[in-house]
Structure formats: C-alpha cells, structure tokens
Amino acid sequence: MHKRSSSSVRVFYPSLSRDEVVDLLRERLPELAKKLPFPGQSRAVWPLC
C-alpha cells in the first residue's frame, strides 16, 4: 500500500489510525473547551463531545 519514497524526500505516516484520532478528540475536547471558551458559542458546536 505504501510506496517507497525517493531518497530526497522522507514521508512519515501517522502512528495513530483515524479512529484513534477521533477517540482522542472526543476524550480531550471537553477539557479544552473548558480551558479555552469561545464567547457566544454553546456546547452544541462541539459535535464530538
């Protein structure tokens, strides 16, 4: 699936899968929202929470 990169360019693939990234966002966004509230926005703008 992954093709070998040329000698002048290095390609790095993420260590987490898409599902793992989504899980981390769901877990961590509520705490971030508490620390960095955005004026005028409700919890409804955080669909992953």
Foldseek 3Di string as FASTA:
>chain_A
DDDDDDPVDDDDDDPDDPVRVLVVCLVPVVVVCVVDPDPPDDCVVVVSD
